[in-house]
Amino acid sequence: MTNETIIQKTIDWIEDHLQEDISARDIASAAGFSKFHFHRIFQAAVGVSFSEYLRNRRMTSAAAALIHTDERIIDIALSCCFESQEVFTRAFKRVYQLPPGQYRKLMKELIAPKEEMKMEEPIKGWFLSGSNPYSYEMGTDTEIVHNGRKSGYLKSTAVTLAEGEFATMMQQFKADQYKGKRMRLSGFLRTKDVKIMAAFWMRVDSASEDILQFDNMSNRPIQGTANWNHYSIVLDVPENSASISFGIILSGTGCVWADGITFEEVDKSVSTTNAETQYVMLDNPVNLSFEEA
């Protein structure tokens, strides 16, 4: 079992136990590792300790409940494992700069008119493409969030789609400052009713638009309905690279949310996920009679 698989299994476990009184030792035990060893591999993959991850997820869950439900603040505090409303209020204010009651009132007023028109608002830095982008939409979501105040989403708008249709919300940029480096695209994805697949993807092209490095998670696709989990793609950026593209892909119907995406250099000890796409030229022609197996 790879470290990435272990991390994903553990995050699944954490998401299922967010409203329970669990400790770092419980989480490490669920992963089948010592607390010290698991802390090291979790922080290397996700960027924060598992204790900080758990705290951030509970706080984000509380913020979403304040905006999108009418639950009492004390009930939200207790469901997120805070011992009292006072302790919750202090912790919440440190993160969101406002006490929970004031945050609820202000954010509900701010968000309500935006949600009516969010389908038409572009997302800075991202654009929609694919085989049939008119059958999909992308936007931001303030209710289903992994961390912070918003997530990005991509979903199908057609009831049925022709075979092979897909869309992607993506970015593309120059490779100049990344040449010679090993780069990791990682973040959190959540899916609902994905018929074919959802995934991260990344591609490195030369100036002539030849594919130098590529991975679309085709060997580890996300299907159906799945809770937030952490996924990553690692590619080298050769010296002859000209552009880098990456994004979230949705094939077929369904919806995928993305949050907490990072794009960072990693050292050579981190294995690449590059799919072998280059054609190997043979020395001579073969199987001219079509009889060979």
C-alpha atoms as a PDB file:
ATOM      1  CA  MET A   1       0.000   0.000   0.000  1.00  0.00           C
ATOM      2  CA  THR A   2       1.508   3.363  -1.037  1.00  0.00           C
ATOM      3  CA  ASN A   3       1.770   6.384   1.226  1.00  0.00           C
ATOM      4  CA  GLU A   4      -0.824   8.191  -0.922  1.00  0.00           C
ATOM      5  CA  THR A   5      -3.290   5.322  -0.473  1.00  0.00           C
ATOM      6  CA  ILE A   6      -2.662   5.323   3.271  1.00  0.00           C
ATOM      7  CA  ILE A   7      -3.258   9.077   3.474  1.00  0.00           C
ATOM      8  CA  GLN A   8      -6.494   8.775   1.474  1.00  0.00           C
ATOM      9  CA  LYS A   9      -7.719   5.920   3.664  1.00  0.00           C
ATOM     10  CA  THR A  10      -6.981   7.933   6.787  1.00  0.00           C
ATOM     11  CA  ILE A  11      -8.669  11.110   5.510  1.00  0.00           C
ATOM     12  CA  ASP A  12     -11.750   9.011   4.740  1.00  0.00           C
ATOM     13  CA  TRP A  13     -11.674   7.850   8.360  1.00  0.00           C
ATOM     14  CA  ILE A  14     -11.253  11.395   9.683  1.00  0.00           C
ATOM     15  CA  GLU A  15     -14.178  12.684   7.578  1.00  0.00           C
ATOM     16  CA  ASP A  16     -16.392   9.924   9.000  1.00  0.00           C
ATOM     17  CA  HIS A  17     -15.441  10.860  12.570  1.00  0.00           C
ATOM     18  CA  LEU A  18     -15.340  14.671  12.465  1.00  0.00           C
ATOM     19  CA  GLN A  19     -18.067  14.943  15.102  1.00  0.00           C
ATOM     20  CA  GLU A  20     -16.475  12.443  17.472  1.00  0.00           C
ATOM     21  CA  ASP A  21     -13.889  12.994  20.187  1.00  0.00           C
ATOM     22  CA  ILE A  22     -10.857  11.475  18.466  1.00  0.00           C
ATOM     23  CA  SER A  23      -7.162  11.950  19.139  1.00  0.00           C
ATOM     24  CA  ALA A  24      -4.008  11.933  17.051  1.00  0.00           C
ATOM     25  CA  ARG A  25      -3.301   8.487  18.476  1.00  0.00           C
ATOM     26  CA  ASP A  26      -6.696   7.218  17.219  1.00  0.00           C
ATOM     27  CA  ILE A  27      -5.951   8.528  13.731  1.00  0.00           C
ATOM     28  CA  ALA A  28      -2.472   6.999  13.632  1.00  0.00           C
ATOM     29  CA  SER A  29      -3.882   3.689  14.878  1.00  0.00           C
ATOM     30  CA  ALA A  30      -6.507   3.702  12.121  1.00  0.00           C
ATOM     31  CA  ALA A  31      -3.667   4.118   9.610  1.00  0.00           C
ATOM     32  CA  GLY A  32      -1.729   1.241  11.158  1.00  0.00           C
ATOM     33  CA  PHE A  33       1.388   3.289  11.954  1.00  0.00           C
ATOM     34  CA  SER A  34       3.116   4.740  14.954  1.00  0.00           C
ATOM     35  CA  LYS A  35       2.031   8.275  15.796  1.00  0.00           C
ATOM     36  CA  PHE A  36       5.459   9.696  14.899  1.00  0.00           C
ATOM     37  CA  HIS A  37       5.782   7.931  11.537  1.00  0.00           C
ATOM     38  CA  PHE A  38       2.259   8.767  10.456  1.00  0.00           C
ATOM     39  CA  HIS A  39       2.670  12.414  11.469  1.00  0.00           C
ATOM     40  CA  ARG A  40       5.699  12.622   9.167  1.00  0.00           C
ATOM     41  CA  ILE A  41       4.099  11.133   6.040  1.00  0.00           C
ATOM     42  CA  PHE A  42       0.779  12.958   6.588  1.00  0.00           C
ATOM     43  CA  GLN A  43       2.410  16.361   6.905  1.00  0.00           C
ATOM     44  CA  ALA A  44       4.633  15.705   3.881  1.00  0.00           C
ATOM     45  CA  ALA A  45       1.591  14.873   1.719  1.00  0.00           C
ATOM     46  CA  VAL A  46      -1.054  17.289   3.008  1.00  0.00           C
ATOM     47  CA  GLY A  47       1.084  20.188   4.233  1.00  0.00           C
ATOM     48  CA  VAL A  48      -0.282  20.303   7.800  1.00  0.00           C
ATOM     49  CA  SER A  49      -0.233  17.955  10.781  1.00  0.00           C
ATOM     50  CA  PHE A  50      -3.226  15.662  11.170  1.00  0.00           C
ATOM     51  CA  SER A  51      -4.187  17.508  14.377  1.00  0.00           C
ATOM     52  CA  GLU A  52      -4.254  20.811  12.485  1.00  0.00           C
ATOM     53  CA  TYR A  53      -6.136  19.166   9.615  1.00  0.00           C
ATOM     54  CA  LEU A  54      -8.802  17.880  12.015  1.00  0.00           C
ATOM     55  CA  ARG A  55      -9.103  21.279  13.706  1.00  0.00           C
ATOM     56  CA  ASN A  56      -9.404  23.110  10.369  1.00  0.00           C
ATOM     57  CA  ARG A  57     -12.038  20.707   9.055  1.00  0.00           C
ATOM     58  CA  ARG A  58     -14.137  21.075  12.194  1.00  0.00           C
ATOM     59  CA  MET A  59     -13.879  24.863  12.024  1.00  0.00           C
ATOM     60  CA  THR A  60     -14.867  24.891   8.351  1.00  0.00           C
ATOM     61  CA  SER A  61     -17.799  22.596   9.101  1.00  0.00           C
ATOM     62  CA  ALA A  62     -18.892  24.970  11.875  1.00  0.00           C
ATOM     63  CA  ALA A  63     -18.648  28.025   9.589  1.00  0.00           C
ATOM     64  CA  ALA A  64     -20.772  26.311   6.921  1.00  0.00           C
ATOM     65  CA  ALA A  65     -23.375  25.340   9.535  1.00  0.00           C
ATOM     66  CA  LEU A  66     -23.552  28.941  10.765  1.00  0.00           C
ATOM     67  CA  ILE A  67     -24.304  30.201   7.264  1.00  0.00           C
ATOM     68  CA  HIS A  68     -26.487  27.446   5.869  1.00  0.00           C
ATOM     69  CA  THR A  69     -28.469  26.182   8.880  1.00  0.00           C
ATOM     70  CA  ASP A  70     -30.431  27.681  11.752  1.00  0.00           C
ATOM     71  CA  GLU A  71     -28.816  25.464  14.381  1.00  0.00           C
ATOM     72  CA  ARG A  72     -28.022  27.102  17.701  1.00  0.00           C
ATOM     73  CA  ILE A  73     -24.408  28.154  18.129  1.00  0.00           C
ATOM     74  CA  ILE A  74     -24.040  25.969  21.227  1.00  0.00           C
ATOM     75  CA  ASP A  75     -25.236  22.921  19.262  1.00  0.00           C
ATOM     76  CA  ILE A  76     -22.775  23.654  16.454  1.00  0.00           C
ATOM     77  CA  ALA A  77     -19.976  24.070  18.994  1.00  0.00           C
ATOM     78  CA  LEU A  78     -20.727  20.753  20.703  1.00  0.00           C
ATOM     79  CA  SER A  79     -21.130  18.878  17.403  1.00  0.00           C
ATOM     80  CA  CYS A  80     -17.648  20.078  16.434  1.00  0.00           C
ATOM     81  CA  CYS A  81     -16.231  18.731  19.722  1.00  0.00           C
ATOM     82  CA  PHE A  82     -15.722  22.048  21.545  1.00  0.00           C
ATOM     83  CA  GLU A  83     -16.336  21.744  25.278  1.00  0.00           C
ATOM     84  CA  SER A  84     -18.346  24.966  25.494  1.00  0.00           C
ATOM     85  CA  GLN A  85     -19.703  27.835  23.413  1.00  0.00           C
ATOM     86  CA  GLU A  86     -17.132  30.153  24.997  1.00  0.00           C
ATOM     87  CA  VAL A  87     -14.190  27.985  23.915  1.00  0.00           C
ATOM     88  CA  PHE A  88     -15.704  27.669  20.435  1.00  0.00           C
ATOM     89  CA  THR A  89     -16.226  31.437  20.168  1.00  0.00           C
ATOM     90  CA  ARG A  90     -12.594  32.178  21.034  1.00  0.00           C
ATOM     91  CA  ALA A  91     -11.283  29.590  18.565  1.00  0.00           C
ATOM     92  CA  PHE A  92     -13.670  30.716  15.821  1.00  0.00           C
ATOM     93  CA  LYS A  93     -12.752  34.372  16.224  1.00  0.00           C
ATOM     94  CA  ARG A  94      -9.034  33.574  15.891  1.00  0.00           C
ATOM     95  CA  VAL A  95      -9.680  32.024  12.455  1.00  0.00           C
ATOM     96  CA  TYR A  96     -12.507  34.151  11.024  1.00  0.00           C
ATOM     97  CA  GLN A  97     -11.849  37.444  12.866  1.00  0.00           C
ATOM     98  CA  LEU A  98     -15.513  37.604  13.972  1.00  0.00           C
ATOM     99  CA  PRO A  99     -17.516  35.918  16.746  1.00  0.00           C
ATOM    100  CA  PRO A 100     -19.877  33.190  15.460  1.00  0.00           C
ATOM    101  CA  GLY A 101     -23.120  35.166  15.854  1.00  0.00           C
ATOM    102  CA  GLN A 102     -21.807  38.211  14.022  1.00  0.00           C
ATOM    103  CA  TYR A 103     -20.199  36.000  11.362  1.00  0.00           C
ATOM    104  CA  ARG A 104     -23.534  34.245  10.743  1.00  0.00           C
ATOM    105  CA  LYS A 105     -25.451  37.489  10.329  1.00  0.00           C
ATOM    106  CA  LEU A 106     -22.864  39.185   8.121  1.00  0.00           C
ATOM    107  CA  MET A 107     -22.083  36.221   5.865  1.00  0.00           C
ATOM    108  CA  LYS A 108     -25.730  35.345   5.256  1.00  0.00           C
ATOM    109  CA  GLU A 109     -26.319  38.904   4.086  1.00  0.00           C
ATOM    110  CA  LEU A 110     -23.250  38.857   1.845  1.00  0.00           C
ATOM    111  CA  ILE A 111     -23.786  35.444   0.303  1.00  0.00           C
ATOM    112  CA  ALA A 112     -27.530  35.450  -0.405  1.00  0.00           C
ATOM    113  CA  PRO A 113     -27.502  37.766  -3.461  1.00  0.00           C
ATOM    114  CA  LYS A 114     -24.305  36.234  -4.836  1.00  0.00           C
ATOM    115  CA  GLU A 115     -25.687  32.693  -4.840  1.00  0.00           C
ATOM    116  CA  GLU A 116     -28.443  33.747  -7.228  1.00  0.00           C
ATOM    117  CA  MET A 117     -25.928  34.801  -9.875  1.00  0.00           C
ATOM    118  CA  LYS A 118     -22.861  32.694  -9.115  1.00  0.00           C
ATOM    119  CA  MET A 119     -23.314  30.583 -12.257  1.00  0.00           C
ATOM    120  CA  GLU A 120     -22.524  33.643 -14.365  1.00  0.00           C
ATOM    121  CA  GLU A 121     -19.488  34.809 -12.417  1.00  0.00           C
ATOM    122  CA  PRO A 122     -16.072  33.751 -13.715  1.00  0.00           C
ATOM    123  CA  ILE A 123     -13.506  32.284 -11.338  1.00  0.00           C
ATOM    124  CA  LYS A 124     -10.274  34.254 -11.382  1.00  0.00           C
ATOM    125  CA  GLY A 125      -7.516  32.319 -13.152  1.00  0.00           C
ATOM    126  CA  TRP A 126      -9.723  29.420 -14.295  1.00  0.00           C
ATOM    127  CA  PHE A 127     -11.518  28.749 -17.557  1.00  0.00           C
ATOM    128  CA  LEU A 128     -13.913  26.058 -18.759  1.00  0.00           C
ATOM    129  CA  SER A 129     -13.016  23.785 -21.685  1.00  0.00           C
ATOM    130  CA  GLY A 130     -13.479  20.207 -22.835  1.00  0.00           C
ATOM    131  CA  SER A 131     -15.333  18.244 -25.496  1.00  0.00           C
ATOM    132  CA  ASN A 132     -18.666  19.907 -24.718  1.00  0.00           C
ATOM    133  CA  PRO A 133     -18.312  22.731 -22.168  1.00  0.00           C
ATOM    134  CA  TYR A 134     -21.867  23.899 -22.918  1.00  0.00           C
ATOM    135  CA  SER A 135     -23.180  20.841 -21.058  1.00  0.00           C
ATOM    136  CA  TYR A 136     -21.227  21.713 -17.918  1.00  0.00           C
ATOM    137  CA  GLU A 137     -20.807  24.628 -15.549  1.00  0.00           C
ATOM    138  CA  MET A 138     -18.161  25.684 -13.086  1.00  0.00           C
ATOM    139  CA  GLY A 139     -18.470  28.011 -10.132  1.00  0.00           C
ATOM    140  CA  THR A 140     -17.737  28.516  -6.447  1.00  0.00           C
ATOM    141  CA  ASP A 141     -19.623  26.925  -3.569  1.00  0.00           C
ATOM    142  CA  THR A 142     -19.918  28.379  -0.057  1.00  0.00           C
ATOM    143  CA  GLU A 143     -21.756  25.406   1.441  1.00  0.00           C
ATOM    144  CA  ILE A 144     -19.658  22.388   0.441  1.00  0.00           C
ATOM    145  CA  VAL A 145     -16.180  23.524   1.468  1.00  0.00           C
ATOM    146  CA  HIS A 146     -13.089  21.683   2.633  1.00  0.00           C
ATOM    147  CA  ASN A 147     -11.276  24.638   4.184  1.00  0.00           C
ATOM    148  CA  GLY A 148     -11.807  28.390   4.131  1.00  0.00           C
ATOM    149  CA  ARG A 149     -14.931  30.024   2.730  1.00  0.00           C
ATOM    150  CA  LYS A 150     -15.300  28.635  -0.796  1.00  0.00           C
ATOM    151  CA  SER A 151     -14.589  25.630  -2.975  1.00  0.00           C
ATOM    152  CA  GLY A 152     -14.647  25.377  -6.760  1.00  0.00           C
ATOM    153  CA  TYR A 153     -16.989  22.999  -8.514  1.00  0.00           C
ATOM    154  CA  LEU A 154     -17.549  21.498 -11.954  1.00  0.00           C
ATOM    155  CA  LYS A 155     -20.837  19.777 -12.764  1.00  0.00           C
ATOM    156  CA  SER A 156     -22.874  18.509 -15.683  1.00  0.00           C
ATOM    157  CA  THR A 157     -26.034  20.414 -16.561  1.00  0.00           C
ATOM    158  CA  ALA A 158     -27.406  17.916 -19.085  1.00  0.00           C
ATOM    159  CA  VAL A 159     -29.495  14.956 -17.936  1.00  0.00           C
ATOM    160  CA  THR A 160     -27.711  12.685 -20.394  1.00  0.00           C
ATOM    161  CA  LEU A 161     -24.455  13.066 -22.308  1.00  0.00           C
ATOM    162  CA  ALA A 162     -23.063  11.344 -25.353  1.00  0.00           C
ATOM    163  CA  GLU A 163     -20.352   8.785 -24.723  1.00  0.00           C
ATOM    164  CA  GLY A 164     -16.950  10.367 -24.230  1.00  0.00           C
ATOM    165  CA  GLU A 165     -18.149  13.884 -23.407  1.00  0.00           C
ATOM    166  CA  PHE A 166     -16.228  15.701 -20.684  1.00  0.00           C
ATOM    167  CA  ALA A 167     -15.313  19.131 -19.380  1.00  0.00           C
ATOM    168  CA  THR A 168     -12.441  20.595 -17.434  1.00  0.00           C
ATOM    169  CA  MET A 169     -11.911  23.706 -15.350  1.00  0.00           C
ATOM    170  CA  MET A 170      -8.280  24.516 -15.983  1.00  0.00           C
ATOM    171  CA  GLN A 171      -5.312  26.880 -16.022  1.00  0.00           C
ATOM    172  CA  GLN A 172      -2.413  27.209 -18.450  1.00  0.00           C
ATOM    173  CA  PHE A 173       0.823  29.131 -17.948  1.00  0.00           C
ATOM    174  CA  LYS A 174       4.449  29.420 -19.078  1.00  0.00           C
ATOM    175  CA  ALA A 175       6.895  26.782 -17.873  1.00  0.00           C
ATOM    176  CA  ASP A 176       9.916  29.128 -17.731  1.00  0.00           C
ATOM    177  CA  GLN A 177      10.378  29.339 -13.958  1.00  0.00           C
ATOM    178  CA  TYR A 178       9.716  25.608 -13.429  1.00  0.00           C
ATOM    179  CA  LYS A 179      12.190  24.113 -15.934  1.00  0.00           C
ATOM    180  CA  GLY A 180      14.340  21.361 -14.459  1.00  0.00           C
ATOM    181  CA  LYS A 181      12.087  21.028 -11.425  1.00  0.00           C
ATOM    182  CA  ARG A 182       9.796  18.267 -10.200  1.00  0.00           C
ATOM    183  CA  MET A 183       6.364  19.773  -9.503  1.00  0.00           C
ATOM    184  CA  ARG A 184       3.440  18.421  -7.531  1.00  0.00           C
ATOM    185  CA  LEU A 185      -0.185  19.398  -8.092  1.00  0.00           C
ATOM    186  CA  SER A 186      -2.223  18.330  -5.081  1.00  0.00           C
ATOM    187  CA  GLY A 187      -5.431  19.152  -3.305  1.00  0.00           C
ATOM    188  CA  PHE A 188      -8.778  17.890  -2.110  1.00  0.00           C
ATOM    189  CA  LEU A 189     -11.591  16.568  -4.292  1.00  0.00           C
ATOM    190  CA  ARG A 190     -15.141  15.525  -3.451  1.00  0.00           C
ATOM    191  CA  THR A 191     -17.640  13.938  -5.849  1.00  0.00           C
ATOM    192  CA  LYS A 192     -21.350  13.283  -6.192  1.00  0.00           C
ATOM    193  CA  ASP A 193     -22.947  10.851  -8.666  1.00  0.00           C
ATOM    194  CA  VAL A 194     -19.952  10.839 -11.034  1.00  0.00           C
ATOM    195  CA  LYS A 195     -20.876   8.407 -13.791  1.00  0.00           C
ATOM    196  CA  ILE A 196     -17.537   7.970 -15.584  1.00  0.00           C
ATOM    197  CA  MET A 197     -14.692   9.683 -13.711  1.00  0.00           C
ATOM    198  CA  ALA A 198     -13.421  12.814 -11.995  1.00  0.00           C
ATOM    199  CA  ALA A 199      -9.770  13.616 -11.393  1.00  0.00           C
ATOM    200  CA  PHE A 200      -6.947  16.110 -11.324  1.00  0.00           C
ATOM    201  CA  TRP A 201      -4.839  16.290 -14.485  1.00  0.00           C
ATOM    202  CA  MET A 202      -1.570  17.979 -15.448  1.00  0.00           C
ATOM    203  CA  ARG A 203       0.374  18.223 -18.708  1.00  0.00           C
ATOM    204  CA  VAL A 204       3.760  19.668 -19.701  1.00  0.00           C
ATOM    205  CA  ASP A 205       4.215  20.635 -23.384  1.00  0.00           C
ATOM    206  CA  SER A 206       7.133  21.697 -25.556  1.00  0.00           C
ATOM    207  CA  ALA A 207       7.078  24.792 -27.790  1.00  0.00           C
ATOM    208  CA  SER A 208       5.852  22.580 -30.659  1.00  0.00           C
ATOM    209  CA  GLU A 209       3.026  21.360 -28.383  1.00  0.00           C
ATOM    210  CA  ASP A 210       4.446  17.860 -28.016  1.00  0.00           C
ATOM    211  CA  ILE A 211       3.473  16.194 -24.732  1.00  0.00           C
ATOM    212  CA  LEU A 212       6.530  15.881 -22.510  1.00  0.00           C
ATOM    213  CA  GLN A 213       4.826  14.795 -19.282  1.00  0.00           C
ATOM    214  CA  PHE A 214       1.192  13.921 -18.576  1.00  0.00           C
ATOM    215  CA  ASP A 215      -1.075  12.389 -15.946  1.00  0.00           C
ATOM    216  CA  ASN A 216      -4.872  12.438 -15.701  1.00  0.00           C
ATOM    217  CA  MET A 217      -5.286   9.854 -12.924  1.00  0.00           C
ATOM    218  CA  SER A 218      -6.756   7.406 -15.455  1.00  0.00           C
ATOM    219  CA  ASN A 219      -5.309   4.550 -13.395  1.00  0.00           C
ATOM    220  CA  ARG A 220      -6.897   5.869 -10.184  1.00  0.00           C
ATOM    221  CA  PRO A 221     -10.132   7.655 -11.191  1.00  0.00           C
ATOM    222  CA  ILE A 222     -12.738   8.901  -8.730  1.00  0.00           C
ATOM    223  CA  GLN A 223     -16.231   7.575  -9.406  1.00  0.00           C
ATOM    224  CA  GLY A 224     -19.650   7.715  -7.796  1.00  0.00           C
ATOM    225  CA  THR A 225     -20.075   9.705  -4.598  1.00  0.00           C
ATOM    226  CA  ALA A 226     -16.986  10.203  -2.437  1.00  0.00           C
ATOM    227  CA  ASN A 227     -16.179  12.461   0.508  1.00  0.00           C
ATOM    228  CA  TRP A 228     -13.294  14.944   0.545  1.00  0.00           C
ATOM    229  CA  ASN A 229      -9.936  13.279   0.031  1.00  0.00           C
ATOM    230  CA  HIS A 230      -6.406  14.228  -0.947  1.00  0.00           C
ATOM    231  CA  TYR A 231      -4.998  13.482  -4.415  1.00  0.00           C
ATOM    232  CA  SER A 232      -1.764  14.423  -6.155  1.00  0.00           C
ATOM    233  CA  ILE A 233       0.052  14.400  -9.482  1.00  0.00           C
ATOM    234  CA  VAL A 234       3.844  14.684  -9.712  1.00  0.00           C
ATOM    235  CA  LEU A 235       5.599  15.520 -13.003  1.00  0.00           C
ATOM    236  CA  ASP A 236       9.049  16.624 -14.088  1.00  0.00           C
ATOM    237  CA  VAL A 237       9.330  19.807 -16.129  1.00  0.00           C
ATOM    238  CA  PRO A 238      12.078  19.187 -18.729  1.00  0.00           C
ATOM    239  CA  GLU A 239      14.377  21.971 -19.904  1.00  0.00           C
ATOM    240  CA  ASN A 240      12.629  22.115 -23.300  1.00  0.00           C
ATOM    241  CA  SER A 241       9.220  22.731 -21.719  1.00  0.00           C
ATOM    242  CA  ALA A 242       7.173  25.700 -22.896  1.00  0.00           C
ATOM    243  CA  SER A 243       3.855  25.458 -21.076  1.00  0.00           C
ATOM    244  CA  ILE A 244       2.143  23.740 -18.163  1.00  0.00           C
ATOM    245  CA  SER A 245      -1.574  23.044 -17.994  1.00  0.00           C
ATOM    246  CA  PHE A 246      -3.574  21.565 -15.152  1.00  0.00           C
ATOM    247  CA  GLY A 247      -7.102  21.310 -13.885  1.00  0.00           C
ATOM    248  CA  ILE A 248     -10.023  19.208 -12.737  1.00  0.00           C
ATOM    249  CA  ILE A 249     -11.732  16.919 -15.242  1.00  0.00           C
ATOM    250  CA  LEU A 250     -15.269  15.539 -15.130  1.00  0.00           C
ATOM    251  CA  SER A 251     -16.180  12.854 -17.659  1.00  0.00           C
ATOM    252  CA  GLY A 252     -19.873  12.114 -18.056  1.00  0.00           C
ATOM    253  CA  THR A 253     -22.500  13.314 -15.591  1.00  0.00           C
ATOM    254  CA  GLY A 254     -22.079  14.252 -11.936  1.00  0.00           C
ATOM    255  CA  CYS A 255     -20.357  16.917  -9.871  1.00  0.00           C
ATOM    256  CA  VAL A 256     -16.852  17.363  -8.492  1.00  0.00           C
ATOM    257  CA  TRP A 257     -15.680  19.927  -5.941  1.00  0.00           C
ATOM    258  CA  ALA A 258     -12.044  21.026  -5.478  1.00  0.00           C
ATOM    259  CA  ASP A 259     -10.397  22.901  -2.627  1.00  0.00           C
ATOM    260  CA  GLY A 260      -6.982  23.599  -1.136  1.00  0.00           C
ATOM    261  CA  ILE A 261      -5.061  23.087  -4.379  1.00  0.00           C
ATOM    262  CA  THR A 262      -1.284  23.592  -4.245  1.00  0.00           C
ATOM    263  CA  PHE A 263       1.363  23.627  -6.972  1.00  0.00           C
ATOM    264  CA  GLU A 264       4.825  23.210  -5.486  1.00  0.00           C
ATOM    265  CA  GLU A 265       8.307  21.901  -6.159  1.00  0.00           C
ATOM    266  CA  VAL A 266       9.234  18.582  -4.571  1.00  0.00           C
ATOM    267  CA  ASP A 267      12.600  16.825  -4.423  1.00  0.00           C
ATOM    268  CA  LYS A 268      13.600  13.849  -6.534  1.00  0.00           C
ATOM    269  CA  SER A 269      12.782  11.391  -3.744  1.00  0.00           C
ATOM    270  CA  VAL A 270       9.090  11.939  -4.562  1.00  0.00           C
ATOM    271  CA  SER A 271       8.107   9.580  -7.372  1.00  0.00           C
ATOM    272  CA  THR A 272       6.516  10.968 -10.522  1.00  0.00           C
ATOM    273  CA  THR A 273       3.086   9.841 -11.708  1.00  0.00           C
ATOM    274  CA  ASN A 274       3.836  10.461 -15.386  1.00  0.00           C
ATOM    275  CA  ALA A 275       1.884   8.286 -17.815  1.00  0.00           C
ATOM    276  CA  GLU A 276       4.125   6.836 -20.507  1.00  0.00           C
ATOM    277  CA  THR A 277       2.766   8.526 -23.631  1.00  0.00           C
ATOM    278  CA  GLN A 278       5.788   8.655 -25.886  1.00  0.00           C
ATOM    279  CA  TYR A 279       5.880   6.299 -28.875  1.00  0.00           C
ATOM    280  CA  VAL A 280       9.003   4.135 -29.098  1.00  0.00           C
ATOM    281  CA  MET A 281      10.287   3.938 -32.689  1.00  0.00           C
ATOM    282  CA  LEU A 282      11.387   0.475 -33.776  1.00  0.00           C
ATOM    283  CA  ASP A 283      14.495  -0.341 -35.822  1.00  0.00           C
ATOM    284  CA  ASN A 284      12.573  -2.285 -38.506  1.00  0.00           C
ATOM    285  CA  PRO A 285       8.977  -2.882 -39.672  1.00  0.00           C
ATOM    286  CA  VAL A 286       7.160  -5.767 -37.970  1.00  0.00           C
ATOM    287  CA  ASN A 287       4.055  -7.984 -38.429  1.00  0.00           C
ATOM    288  CA  LEU A 288       3.506  -7.047 -42.068  1.00  0.00           C
ATOM    289  CA  SER A 289       1.233 -10.085 -42.558  1.00  0.00           C
ATOM    290  CA  PHE A 290      -0.858  -9.265 -39.471  1.00  0.00           C
ATOM    291  CA  GLU A 291      -0.436 -12.869 -38.269  1.00  0.00           C
ATOM    292  CA  GLU A 292       1.667 -12.246 -35.170  1.00  0.00           C
ATOM    293  CA  ALA A 293       0.004 -12.206 -31.780  1.00  0.00           C
END
